[in-house]
Protein backbone atom coordinates (compact mmCIF):
# COMPACT_ATOMS: atom_id res chain seq x y z
CA ARG A 1 -16.14 -154.93 145.25
CA GLY A 2 -16.98 -157.93 143.08
CA ILE A 3 -14.51 -156.90 140.38
CA LEU A 4 -11.44 -158.89 139.36
CA ALA A 5 -8.73 -157.05 137.41
CA PHE A 6 -6.40 -158.94 135.06
CA PRO A 7 -3.68 -156.66 133.65
CA VAL A 8 -2.92 -157.93 130.16
CA PRO A 9 -0.35 -155.99 128.05
CA LEU A 10 -2.50 -155.99 124.93
CA GLY A 11 -0.46 -153.34 123.13
CA LYS A 12 2.81 -155.18 123.71
CA ILE A 13 1.32 -158.47 122.53
CA VAL A 14 0.17 -156.82 119.30
CA LYS A 15 3.50 -155.04 118.78
CA ASP A 16 5.53 -158.19 119.36
CA ALA A 17 3.41 -160.01 116.79
CA GLY A 18 3.92 -157.24 114.21
CA GLY A 19 0.34 -155.97 114.29
CA THR A 20 -1.24 -152.51 114.26
CA ARG A 21 -3.03 -150.63 117.04
CA ALA A 22 -6.42 -151.63 115.65
CA MET A 23 -5.59 -155.25 116.40
CA VAL A 24 -5.71 -154.62 120.17
CA ASN A 25 -9.37 -155.66 119.90
CA THR A 26 -8.30 -159.05 118.59
CA ALA A 27 -5.83 -159.39 121.46
CA ALA A 28 -8.59 -158.55 123.95
CA LEU A 29 -10.79 -161.21 122.36
CA GLY A 30 -8.03 -163.77 122.72
CA ALA A 31 -7.48 -162.78 126.35
CA ALA A 32 -11.18 -163.12 127.15
CA THR A 33 -11.20 -166.52 125.47
CA GLY A 34 -8.31 -167.63 127.62
CA LEU A 35 -9.86 -166.41 130.86
CA THR A 36 -13.20 -168.12 130.26
CA GLY A 37 -11.79 -171.35 128.83
CA TYR A 38 -13.85 -170.96 125.68
CA ASP A 39 -13.13 -173.12 122.63
CA PHE A 40 -10.55 -171.15 120.61
CA SER A 41 -11.47 -172.91 117.38
CA LYS A 42 -14.85 -171.15 117.44
CA VAL A 43 -13.21 -167.78 118.00
CA ALA A 44 -10.75 -168.51 115.19
CA SER A 45 -13.68 -169.25 112.89
CA VAL A 46 -15.21 -165.85 113.67
CA ILE A 47 -11.88 -164.11 113.03
CA GLU A 48 -11.54 -165.88 109.68
CA ASP A 49 -15.07 -164.92 108.65
CA ASN A 50 -14.59 -161.26 109.58
CA PHE A 51 -11.16 -160.72 108.03
CA ARG A 52 -11.21 -163.04 105.00
CA ARG A 53 -12.07 -160.17 102.66
CA LYS A 54 -8.83 -158.42 103.70
CA GLY A 55 -6.65 -161.32 102.65
CA GLN A 56 -5.13 -164.40 104.24
CA ASP A 57 -2.15 -162.46 105.62
CA VAL A 58 -4.49 -160.30 107.73
CA VAL A 59 -6.41 -163.39 108.87
CA ASP A 60 -3.20 -165.15 109.91
CA LEU A 61 -1.88 -162.11 111.78
CA ASN A 62 -5.10 -161.70 113.76
CA LEU A 63 -5.13 -165.40 114.61
CA LYS A 64 -1.51 -165.13 115.79
CA ILE A 65 -2.35 -162.15 118.03
CA ALA A 66 -5.45 -163.79 119.51
CA GLN A 67 -3.50 -166.97 120.23
CA ALA A 68 -0.65 -165.01 121.85
CA ALA A 69 -3.05 -163.16 124.17
CA LEU A 70 -4.80 -166.41 125.04
CA ASP A 71 -1.47 -168.08 125.88
CA TYR A 72 -0.41 -165.13 128.04
CA VAL A 73 -3.62 -165.21 130.07
CA ARG A 74 -3.60 -168.96 130.58
CA THR A 75 0.04 -168.87 131.66
CA THR A 76 -0.24 -165.84 133.94
CA PHE A 77 -3.72 -166.20 135.42
CA ALA A 78 -4.32 -169.93 135.09
CA SER A 79 -5.99 -170.39 138.48
CA SER A 80 -7.33 -166.89 139.15
CA PHE A 81 -10.63 -167.05 137.29
CA ASP A 82 -12.94 -170.03 137.68
CA TYR A 83 -15.86 -168.98 135.45
CA ARG A 84 -16.12 -171.05 132.29
CA LEU A 85 -18.00 -170.08 129.16
CA GLU A 86 -19.48 -173.14 127.47
CA PRO A 87 -20.51 -173.27 123.80
CA VAL A 88 -24.25 -173.16 123.16
CA SER A 89 -25.68 -175.84 120.90
CA GLY A 90 -28.81 -175.61 118.78
CA PRO A 91 -29.96 -173.92 115.58
CA PRO A 92 -28.18 -170.76 114.36
CA ARG A 93 -29.21 -167.54 116.08
CA MET A 94 -29.11 -163.87 115.17
CA VAL A 95 -27.32 -161.20 117.19
CA ILE A 96 -29.50 -158.13 116.84
CA ASN A 97 -30.81 -155.07 118.67
CA GLY A 98 -34.25 -153.46 118.71
CA ASN A 99 -33.56 -150.83 116.07
CA GLN A 100 -32.17 -153.43 113.67
CA ALA A 101 -35.13 -155.73 114.28
CA PHE A 102 -37.56 -152.90 113.59
CA CYS A 103 -35.72 -152.15 110.35
CA LEU A 104 -36.04 -155.78 109.26
CA GLY A 105 -39.78 -155.48 109.83
CA ALA A 106 -39.89 -152.24 107.86
CA LEU A 107 -38.04 -153.91 104.98
CA ALA A 108 -40.48 -156.82 105.06
CA ALA A 109 -43.36 -154.33 105.05
CA GLY A 110 -42.09 -152.65 101.89
CA CYS A 111 -40.78 -149.40 103.36
CA LYS A 112 -39.18 -147.40 100.54
CA PHE A 113 -38.45 -144.01 102.12
CA VAL A 114 -36.67 -143.14 105.37
CA ALA A 115 -35.86 -139.63 106.57
CA ALA A 116 -34.14 -138.63 109.79
CA TYR A 117 -31.95 -136.12 111.49
CA PRO A 118 -29.59 -138.20 113.64
CA MET A 119 -30.59 -138.27 117.31
CA THR A 120 -29.53 -140.90 119.81
CA PRO A 121 -30.87 -143.55 120.31
CA SER A 122 -32.72 -143.62 116.97
CA THR A 123 -29.73 -142.93 114.71
CA THR A 124 -28.93 -146.55 113.92
CA ILE A 125 -32.28 -146.87 112.13
CA ILE A 126 -31.33 -144.60 109.24
CA GLU A 127 -27.78 -145.99 109.31
CA PHE A 128 -29.10 -149.56 108.95
CA MET A 129 -31.51 -148.61 106.16
CA SER A 130 -28.95 -146.48 104.31
CA VAL A 131 -26.47 -149.35 104.11
CA ARG A 132 -29.20 -151.49 102.51
CA ALA A 133 -30.86 -148.74 100.44
CA ALA A 134 -29.42 -149.71 97.06
CA ARG A 135 -30.11 -153.40 97.57
CA TYR A 136 -33.78 -152.90 98.47
CA GLY A 137 -34.59 -149.82 96.40
CA ILE A 138 -34.98 -147.45 99.34
CA VAL A 139 -34.48 -143.69 99.42
CA THR A 140 -32.87 -142.49 102.66
CA LYS A 141 -32.45 -138.81 103.52
CA HIS A 142 -30.23 -137.32 106.20
CA THR A 143 -32.19 -134.09 106.57
CA GLU A 144 -31.22 -130.70 107.98
CA ASP A 145 -33.59 -131.13 110.94
CA GLU A 146 -36.47 -133.22 112.27
CA ILE A 147 -39.11 -130.95 110.76
CA ALA A 148 -37.76 -131.65 107.28
CA ALA A 149 -37.51 -135.36 108.04
CA VAL A 150 -41.15 -135.84 108.98
CA CYS A 151 -42.41 -133.50 106.23
CA MET A 152 -40.48 -135.50 103.63
CA ALA A 153 -41.90 -138.73 105.02
CA ILE A 154 -45.43 -137.32 104.91
CA GLY A 155 -44.87 -136.20 101.32
CA ALA A 156 -43.68 -139.67 100.37
CA GLY A 157 -46.68 -141.21 102.12
CA HIS A 158 -49.00 -138.86 100.22
CA ALA A 159 -47.38 -140.04 96.97
CA GLY A 160 -48.17 -143.65 97.83
CA VAL A 161 -44.80 -144.73 99.20
CA ARG A 162 -44.47 -146.54 102.50
CA ALA A 163 -42.41 -144.00 104.43
CA MET A 164 -41.08 -143.36 107.91
CA ALA A 165 -39.11 -140.93 110.03
CA SER A 166 -37.13 -141.74 113.16
CA THR A 167 -36.15 -139.56 116.11
CA SER A 168 -36.07 -139.21 119.89
CA GLY A 169 -38.12 -137.02 122.23
CA GLY A 170 -36.54 -133.68 121.37
CA GLY A 171 -36.85 -134.33 117.66
CA PHE A 172 -40.44 -135.50 117.99
CA SER A 173 -41.23 -132.20 119.70
CA LEU A 174 -40.27 -130.47 116.45
CA MET A 175 -42.37 -132.92 114.44
CA VAL A 176 -45.65 -132.23 116.23
CA GLU A 177 -46.95 -129.56 113.85
CA ALA A 178 -46.32 -131.84 110.87
CA LEU A 179 -47.96 -134.70 112.76
CA GLY A 180 -51.11 -132.59 112.67
CA LEU A 181 -50.66 -132.20 108.90
CA ALA A 182 -50.67 -135.98 108.51
CA GLY A 183 -53.76 -136.15 110.71
CA MET A 184 -55.65 -133.52 108.73
CA THR A 185 -54.69 -134.86 105.29
CA GLU A 186 -55.20 -138.45 106.46
CA THR A 187 -51.77 -139.42 105.22
CA PRO A 188 -50.22 -142.70 106.36
CA VAL A 189 -46.76 -142.27 107.85
CA VAL A 190 -44.71 -144.19 110.42
CA ILE A 191 -42.67 -142.40 113.08
CA VAL A 192 -40.26 -144.19 115.40
CA GLU A 193 -39.62 -142.38 118.68
CA ALA A 194 -36.75 -143.94 120.65
CA GLN A 195 -36.93 -142.39 124.11
CA ARG A 196 -34.12 -141.06 126.26
CA PRO A 197 -34.25 -139.08 129.52
CA GLY A 198 -35.35 -135.47 129.17
CA PRO A 199 -36.21 -132.70 129.30
CA SER A 200 -34.20 -131.00 126.56
CA THR A 201 -30.93 -132.82 125.81
CA GLY A 202 -31.28 -134.73 129.08
CA LEU A 203 -29.15 -137.85 129.23
CA ALA A 204 -28.46 -138.41 125.55
CA THR A 205 -27.12 -141.96 125.83
CA ARG A 206 -29.33 -143.28 128.65
CA THR A 207 -32.81 -144.78 128.78
CA GLU A 208 -36.24 -143.80 130.08
CA GLN A 209 -39.98 -144.13 129.35
CA GLY A 210 -40.96 -140.53 129.91
CA ASP A 211 -42.62 -139.70 126.57
CA LEU A 212 -45.69 -141.96 126.61
CA LEU A 213 -48.41 -139.42 127.40
CA PHE A 214 -46.74 -136.82 125.19
CA LEU A 215 -46.85 -139.15 122.19
CA LEU A 216 -50.49 -140.02 122.81
CA HIS A 217 -51.63 -136.40 123.03
CA ALA A 218 -49.19 -134.37 120.91
CA SER A 219 -51.42 -132.46 118.51
CA GLN A 220 -53.27 -129.38 117.44
CA GLY A 221 -56.85 -130.42 118.05
CA GLU A 222 -57.88 -134.05 117.93
CA PHE A 223 -57.13 -136.69 115.33
CA PRO A 224 -56.56 -140.45 115.38
CA ARG A 225 -53.19 -142.14 115.61
CA ILE A 226 -51.84 -145.63 116.23
CA VAL A 227 -49.23 -146.16 118.96
CA LEU A 228 -47.27 -149.39 119.46
CA ALA A 229 -44.64 -150.03 122.15
CA PRO A 230 -42.73 -153.28 121.52
CA GLY A 231 -40.88 -154.80 124.46
CA THR A 232 -38.57 -157.34 122.80
CA VAL A 233 -36.53 -157.47 119.60
CA GLU A 234 -39.06 -159.96 118.20
CA GLN A 235 -41.85 -157.49 118.92
CA CYS A 236 -39.78 -154.71 117.31
CA TYR A 237 -39.67 -156.73 114.09
CA GLU A 238 -43.40 -157.35 114.26
CA ALA A 239 -44.07 -153.67 115.00
CA GLY A 240 -42.09 -152.76 111.89
CA ILE A 241 -44.61 -154.67 109.79
CA ARG A 242 -47.77 -153.81 111.71
CA ALA A 243 -47.08 -150.08 111.90
CA PHE A 244 -47.06 -149.70 108.11
CA ASN A 245 -50.16 -151.86 107.68
CA LEU A 246 -52.08 -149.96 110.36
CA ALA A 247 -50.97 -146.56 109.05
CA GLU A 248 -52.25 -147.34 105.55
CA ARG A 249 -55.34 -149.22 106.65
CA TYR A 250 -56.53 -146.29 108.77
CA GLN A 251 -54.80 -143.54 106.75
CA THR A 252 -53.25 -142.02 109.84
CA PRO A 253 -49.87 -141.66 111.56
CA ALA A 254 -48.54 -144.74 113.34
CA ILE A 255 -45.99 -144.16 116.10
CA VAL A 256 -43.66 -146.85 117.40
CA ILE A 257 -42.22 -146.14 120.86
CA SER A 258 -38.87 -147.55 121.82
CA ASP A 259 -36.09 -146.43 124.17
CA GLU A 260 -32.32 -146.61 124.45
CA PHE A 261 -32.41 -149.89 126.37
CA LEU A 262 -34.47 -151.69 123.73
CA ALA A 263 -33.08 -149.82 120.71
CA GLY A 264 -29.43 -150.51 121.37
CA ALA A 265 -29.11 -153.52 123.65
CA ILE A 266 -27.99 -156.58 121.71
CA ARG A 267 -29.88 -159.86 122.01
CA SER A 268 -29.42 -163.34 120.62
CA VAL A 269 -32.63 -164.64 119.06
CA GLU A 270 -33.72 -167.48 116.82
CA ARG A 271 -33.63 -166.72 113.10
CA GLU A 272 -37.14 -168.08 112.70
CA ALA A 273 -38.43 -165.02 114.56
CA PHE A 274 -37.65 -162.95 111.45
CA ASP A 275 -39.20 -164.93 108.61
CA LEU A 276 -39.58 -162.26 105.93
CA SER A 277 -41.58 -164.61 103.71
CA GLU A 278 -44.47 -164.63 106.20
CA ALA A 279 -44.91 -160.85 106.28
CA THR A 280 -48.36 -159.73 105.10
CA ILE A 281 -48.76 -156.34 103.46
CA ASP A 282 -52.15 -154.63 103.74
CA ARG A 283 -52.31 -151.27 101.97
CA GLY A 284 -55.92 -150.56 102.88
CA GLN A 285 -58.49 -148.98 100.60
CA ILE A 286 -56.52 -147.83 97.56
CA LEU A 287 -58.42 -147.23 94.34
CA SER A 288 -56.93 -148.92 91.29
CA ASP A 289 -56.47 -147.17 87.96
CA ALA A 290 -59.32 -149.28 86.59
CA GLU A 291 -61.65 -148.07 89.34
CA LEU A 292 -60.60 -144.47 88.77
CA ASP A 293 -61.14 -144.83 85.01
CA THR A 294 -64.83 -145.53 85.66
CA LEU A 295 -65.24 -142.80 88.27
CA ASP A 296 -68.42 -140.81 87.66
CA GLY A 297 -68.10 -137.32 89.05
CA PRO A 298 -65.38 -135.66 91.10
CA TYR A 299 -63.01 -137.72 93.22
CA ARG A 300 -63.97 -137.38 96.89
CA ARG A 301 -60.71 -138.03 98.69
CA TYR A 302 -62.35 -137.37 102.06
CA GLN A 303 -65.64 -139.09 101.37
CA PHE A 304 -67.88 -139.55 104.39
CA THR A 305 -68.08 -143.25 105.21
CA GLY A 306 -69.38 -145.33 108.07
CA SER A 307 -65.89 -146.43 109.06
CA GLY A 308 -64.34 -143.01 108.61
CA ILE A 309 -61.92 -144.48 106.06
CA SER A 310 -62.19 -142.93 102.60
CA PRO A 311 -61.00 -144.69 99.42
CA ARG A 312 -57.50 -143.37 98.69
CA ALA A 313 -56.03 -142.72 95.26
CA ILE A 314 -52.34 -142.46 94.56
CA PRO A 315 -51.63 -139.06 92.92
CA GLY A 316 -51.09 -139.12 89.18
CA HIS A 317 -54.41 -140.28 87.75
CA PRO A 318 -56.24 -137.52 85.84
CA LYS A 319 -59.52 -138.34 87.60
CA ALA A 320 -57.97 -138.30 91.09
CA VAL A 321 -56.87 -134.69 91.32
CA TYR A 322 -57.66 -133.02 94.64
CA PRO A 323 -56.18 -130.38 96.97
CA ALA A 324 -54.37 -131.81 99.99
CA THR A 325 -54.37 -129.00 102.51
CA SER A 326 -53.77 -128.54 106.21
CA ASP A 327 -56.96 -126.47 106.40
CA GLU A 328 -60.28 -128.07 107.19
CA HIS A 329 -61.91 -129.20 103.96
CA ASP A 330 -64.93 -130.82 102.38
CA GLU A 331 -65.10 -134.28 100.80
CA GLU A 332 -63.24 -133.11 97.69
CA GLY A 333 -60.49 -131.43 99.70
CA HIS A 334 -61.59 -127.83 99.18
CA ILE A 335 -61.07 -125.49 102.14
CA THR A 336 -64.21 -124.78 104.14
CA GLU A 337 -65.33 -123.19 107.39
CA GLU A 338 -68.88 -124.53 107.23
CA ALA A 339 -69.85 -125.61 110.75
CA ASP A 340 -71.76 -128.70 109.63
CA ILE A 341 -68.96 -129.98 107.39
CA ARG A 342 -66.38 -129.29 110.11
CA THR A 343 -68.38 -131.31 112.62
CA ARG A 344 -68.86 -134.20 110.23
CA MET A 345 -65.18 -134.24 109.21
CA VAL A 346 -63.98 -134.39 112.82
CA GLU A 347 -66.40 -137.24 113.51
CA LYS A 348 -65.37 -139.02 110.30
CA ARG A 349 -61.69 -138.94 111.24
CA MET A 350 -62.31 -139.99 114.82
CA ARG A 351 -64.50 -142.95 113.78
CA LYS A 352 -61.32 -144.67 112.65
CA LEU A 353 -60.34 -145.01 116.30
CA GLU A 354 -63.22 -147.33 117.08
CA ALA A 355 -62.33 -149.77 114.31
CA ALA A 356 -58.64 -149.57 115.19
CA ARG A 357 -59.42 -150.16 118.87
CA GLN A 358 -60.99 -153.50 118.02
CA GLU A 359 -57.81 -154.43 116.17
CA MET A 360 -55.53 -153.59 119.08
CA ARG A 361 -54.18 -156.72 120.72
CA ALA A 362 -54.79 -157.67 124.32
CA PRO A 363 -51.85 -157.38 126.71
CA GLU A 364 -49.61 -160.41 127.03
CA THR A 365 -49.95 -162.19 130.36
CA TYR A 366 -47.00 -164.16 131.68
CA GLY A 367 -46.77 -166.13 134.89
CA SER A 368 -49.19 -167.67 137.37
CA PRO A 369 -52.90 -167.25 136.52
CA GLU A 370 -53.64 -167.23 140.26
CA ALA A 371 -51.09 -164.55 141.06
CA ASP A 372 -51.04 -162.63 144.31
CA ILE A 373 -48.88 -159.96 142.64
CA THR A 374 -49.55 -158.64 139.12
CA PHE A 375 -46.97 -156.40 137.48
CA LEU A 376 -48.29 -153.89 134.94
CA ALA A 377 -45.81 -152.81 132.27
CA TRP A 378 -45.28 -151.61 128.71
CA GLY A 379 -42.36 -151.46 126.30
CA SER A 380 -38.81 -152.41 127.23
CA THR A 381 -39.45 -153.38 130.86
CA TYR A 382 -40.80 -156.73 129.65
CA GLY A 383 -37.56 -158.71 129.96
CA PRO A 384 -36.53 -157.65 133.49
CA LEU A 385 -40.09 -158.11 134.74
CA ARG A 386 -40.44 -161.54 133.19
CA GLU A 387 -37.28 -162.63 135.00
CA ALA A 388 -38.53 -161.10 138.27
CA VAL A 389 -41.79 -163.04 137.88
CA ASP A 390 -39.82 -166.26 137.39
CA VAL A 391 -37.78 -165.60 140.54
CA LEU A 392 -40.90 -164.97 142.61
CA ASN A 393 -42.71 -168.04 141.32
CA ARG A 394 -39.68 -170.27 141.97
CA SER A 395 -39.57 -168.99 145.54
CA GLY A 396 -43.19 -169.94 146.12
CA ARG A 397 -44.72 -166.51 145.54
CA LYS A 398 -47.44 -166.36 142.89
CA ALA A 399 -46.76 -163.54 140.44
CA ASN A 400 -47.54 -162.61 136.86
CA LEU A 401 -46.98 -159.86 134.34
CA VAL A 402 -49.50 -157.96 132.20
CA HIS A 403 -47.54 -156.26 129.42
CA LEU A 404 -48.97 -153.85 126.82
CA VAL A 405 -47.59 -153.44 123.31
CA ASP A 406 -50.69 -151.98 121.64
CA ILE A 407 -51.11 -148.67 123.45
CA TRP A 408 -53.41 -146.52 121.32
CA PRO A 409 -56.27 -146.59 120.67
CA PHE A 410 -56.22 -147.83 124.26
CA PRO A 411 -57.75 -151.35 124.29
CA GLY A 412 -59.59 -150.71 127.55
CA GLU A 413 -61.91 -153.72 127.54
CA LYS A 414 -59.04 -156.11 126.79
CA VAL A 415 -56.89 -154.59 129.50
CA VAL A 416 -59.72 -154.88 132.03
CA ALA A 417 -60.14 -158.54 131.10
CA SER A 418 -56.41 -159.15 131.53
CA LEU A 419 -56.50 -157.58 135.00
CA SER A 420 -59.84 -159.07 136.07
CA ARG A 421 -58.20 -161.59 138.42
CA ALA A 422 -55.45 -159.31 139.69
CA LYS A 423 -55.29 -159.05 143.48
CA TYR A 424 -52.46 -156.57 143.88
CA ILE A 425 -51.26 -154.51 140.90
CA VAL A 426 -47.75 -153.06 140.85
CA ASP A 427 -47.05 -150.60 138.04
CA VAL A 428 -43.41 -150.78 136.90
CA GLU A 429 -42.06 -148.04 134.62
CA SER A 430 -38.91 -146.11 133.81
CA ASN A 431 -40.37 -142.68 134.49
CA TYR A 432 -41.20 -140.44 137.46
CA SER A 433 -45.00 -140.32 137.38
CA GLY A 434 -46.13 -143.80 136.34
CA GLN A 435 -47.65 -142.75 133.04
CA MET A 436 -49.15 -146.13 132.15
CA ALA A 437 -50.86 -146.25 135.54
CA SER A 438 -52.37 -142.84 134.81
CA LEU A 439 -53.52 -144.03 131.39
CA LEU A 440 -55.05 -147.14 132.95
CA ARG A 441 -57.00 -145.12 135.49
CA MET A 442 -58.10 -142.60 132.86
CA HIS A 443 -59.60 -145.22 130.55
CA THR A 444 -60.70 -148.04 132.88
CA GLY A 445 -61.02 -146.59 136.37
CA ILE A 446 -58.57 -149.20 137.68
CA VAL A 447 -56.15 -147.83 140.27
CA VAL A 448 -52.87 -149.67 140.81
CA ASN A 449 -51.91 -150.64 144.35
CA ALA A 450 -48.24 -149.65 144.13
CA ARG A 451 -45.60 -148.34 141.76
CA ILE A 452 -41.95 -149.16 141.15
CA LEU A 453 -40.49 -146.26 139.20
CA LYS A 454 -36.92 -145.69 138.05
CA TYR A 455 -35.74 -142.52 136.35
CA ASP A 456 -31.97 -142.35 136.78
CA GLY A 457 -31.29 -143.18 133.13
CA ARG A 458 -30.39 -146.79 133.88
CA ALA A 459 -32.52 -149.71 132.76
CA LEU A 460 -34.63 -151.64 135.22
CA SER A 461 -33.22 -154.96 136.38
CA PRO A 462 -34.85 -157.96 138.07
CA ASP A 463 -32.79 -157.27 141.21
CA TYR A 464 -34.00 -153.66 141.35
CA ILE A 465 -37.63 -154.70 140.93
CA LEU A 466 -37.45 -157.37 143.63
CA ALA A 467 -35.58 -155.07 146.02
CA HIS A 468 -38.25 -152.37 145.63
CA LEU A 469 -41.33 -154.51 146.08
CA PRO A 470 -43.68 -152.75 148.50
CA GLU A 471 -43.99 -154.30 151.95
CA GLU A 472 -47.56 -155.39 151.22
CA ALA A 473 -46.30 -157.49 148.31
CA LYS A 474 -43.41 -159.16 150.14
C-alpha cells in the first residue's frame, strides 16, 4: 500500500551502453532523475565531478548510461509518476551526518589521537579521522578491543595530547574500568558513545536511547564527568569542540552520547554552521615550562584547590615528575590510605562538578511560550519533536519542546526554569523506561504527566509522536 513499482532494466541499459556492473548505480540515478523530472544538467555536473579523476572516457560513459536510463523511464512511465523534484536555490550546503559533524568539531578542537575498535554505529568516526590523519597530523589506532582503545586515549591525554575513543554500548561496558582510571588520575579524555539497542549485541544497525543512566553512573566509586547529548548535526559539531575544552578545563572524562539515528542519518546543512575559524580552544590550567622552571619544592599534581582543579603539567619537564596511579594518592601522587587525605581528595575531585554545573547550558525551548503541551526530550529526538510541535501549533494547539544537550552535571536549576510554565509535560524518548524523566524527577522533583516511549529500534517520527499523544493532551 502506498508503493509504486517501476521495473527498469538497469543491468540491460548498462550492458547495452558498454558499461560495467558497478555502473548500475549511475543507471539508477538516471532513472530516478527521469521519474522526478529533475534537471539532468545538475545530475550530469555531479557525475562529472565524481568521475573526472578516472578520465574523460569514464565520465562520458557514465553520462551516456544515466541519459539512457532517464530516456527509458520518461518513455515508458511518462504519466505514471506525478511527483516532481525541484532544484533548491540558495547558498551551497553540506551533506553530512552526525558522526562526520562531530569529527569536524574534533578537528577544529585540535584532536590529535583517536583510538577505537570498530562497533556500529560509531565506526565511521575512526574511518573519517583515519582518512584525514596525515593531512591534520593525527594518530589513529584500530585497536584489538575497546579496553585498549580507551587506555591508549587516556595515555595520550596524560601526555598532553587531545585524545578520544569511540564506541557503542557494548564497547563502553568494557571501557568502564579505564574510565575510573581517568577519573582517579584526573586525565582529560573524550569518549563518544553512539547508542544502539541492547542488551548485548542487540540490534546492531538500529537506534535507541537506552544507555543514558548507564553513562551517567558507570564507575567504581564516585568521580566527576561531563556528558553531552547533541540532537542535530550542528550540535554534533559544537559538541566536538566543547567536549575537548570541558575535558581539559576540568581534567576529567567528557562523554558525548549519540545514537544510530543521529550518527548515520544524512542531513543537508548550511556550510556556515561549521566555521572552523571560529573554534576556541581552552586547554585549562596547564603550567608552562617557564612556570615549572621557577617551581619551588615538589610538583603537586593533585594540589588541593578551592575549585578542585589542580595546575597540570605536561610530562617531560624535570621539575614535573610525579606518579600517576590508579590508587588513591596525596597531592604529589604518592599512594596513600590516610583517611583524612582520602576524604579531602574525594571532595577535591567532586568540587569540579559544581563549577561545571554552572557552565552547563540551559535546555533549548522551541515553540509557543504559552504551551498547553510541553515535550521533554534529549539527543536525537529533537528533529521529529520539533516537527510535531510545528504541526500542533499550526492546528491551533499550543505546544513547545524543552530539549537537553548538556546532561551532566545535571543543570537542575536551568531545567526547572525552562519548565516553570509547563502545564502538561510529555516525556519522549527512544527507550523503555523514560530515563530522562527519571533523571528529571531525581534532581528536581518534577514528575512528567505522560510518556511516549519507543524501543523497537526504529527512530521516532512526527507521525508516531502525534498518534501516541495521551488522551489528556489531545
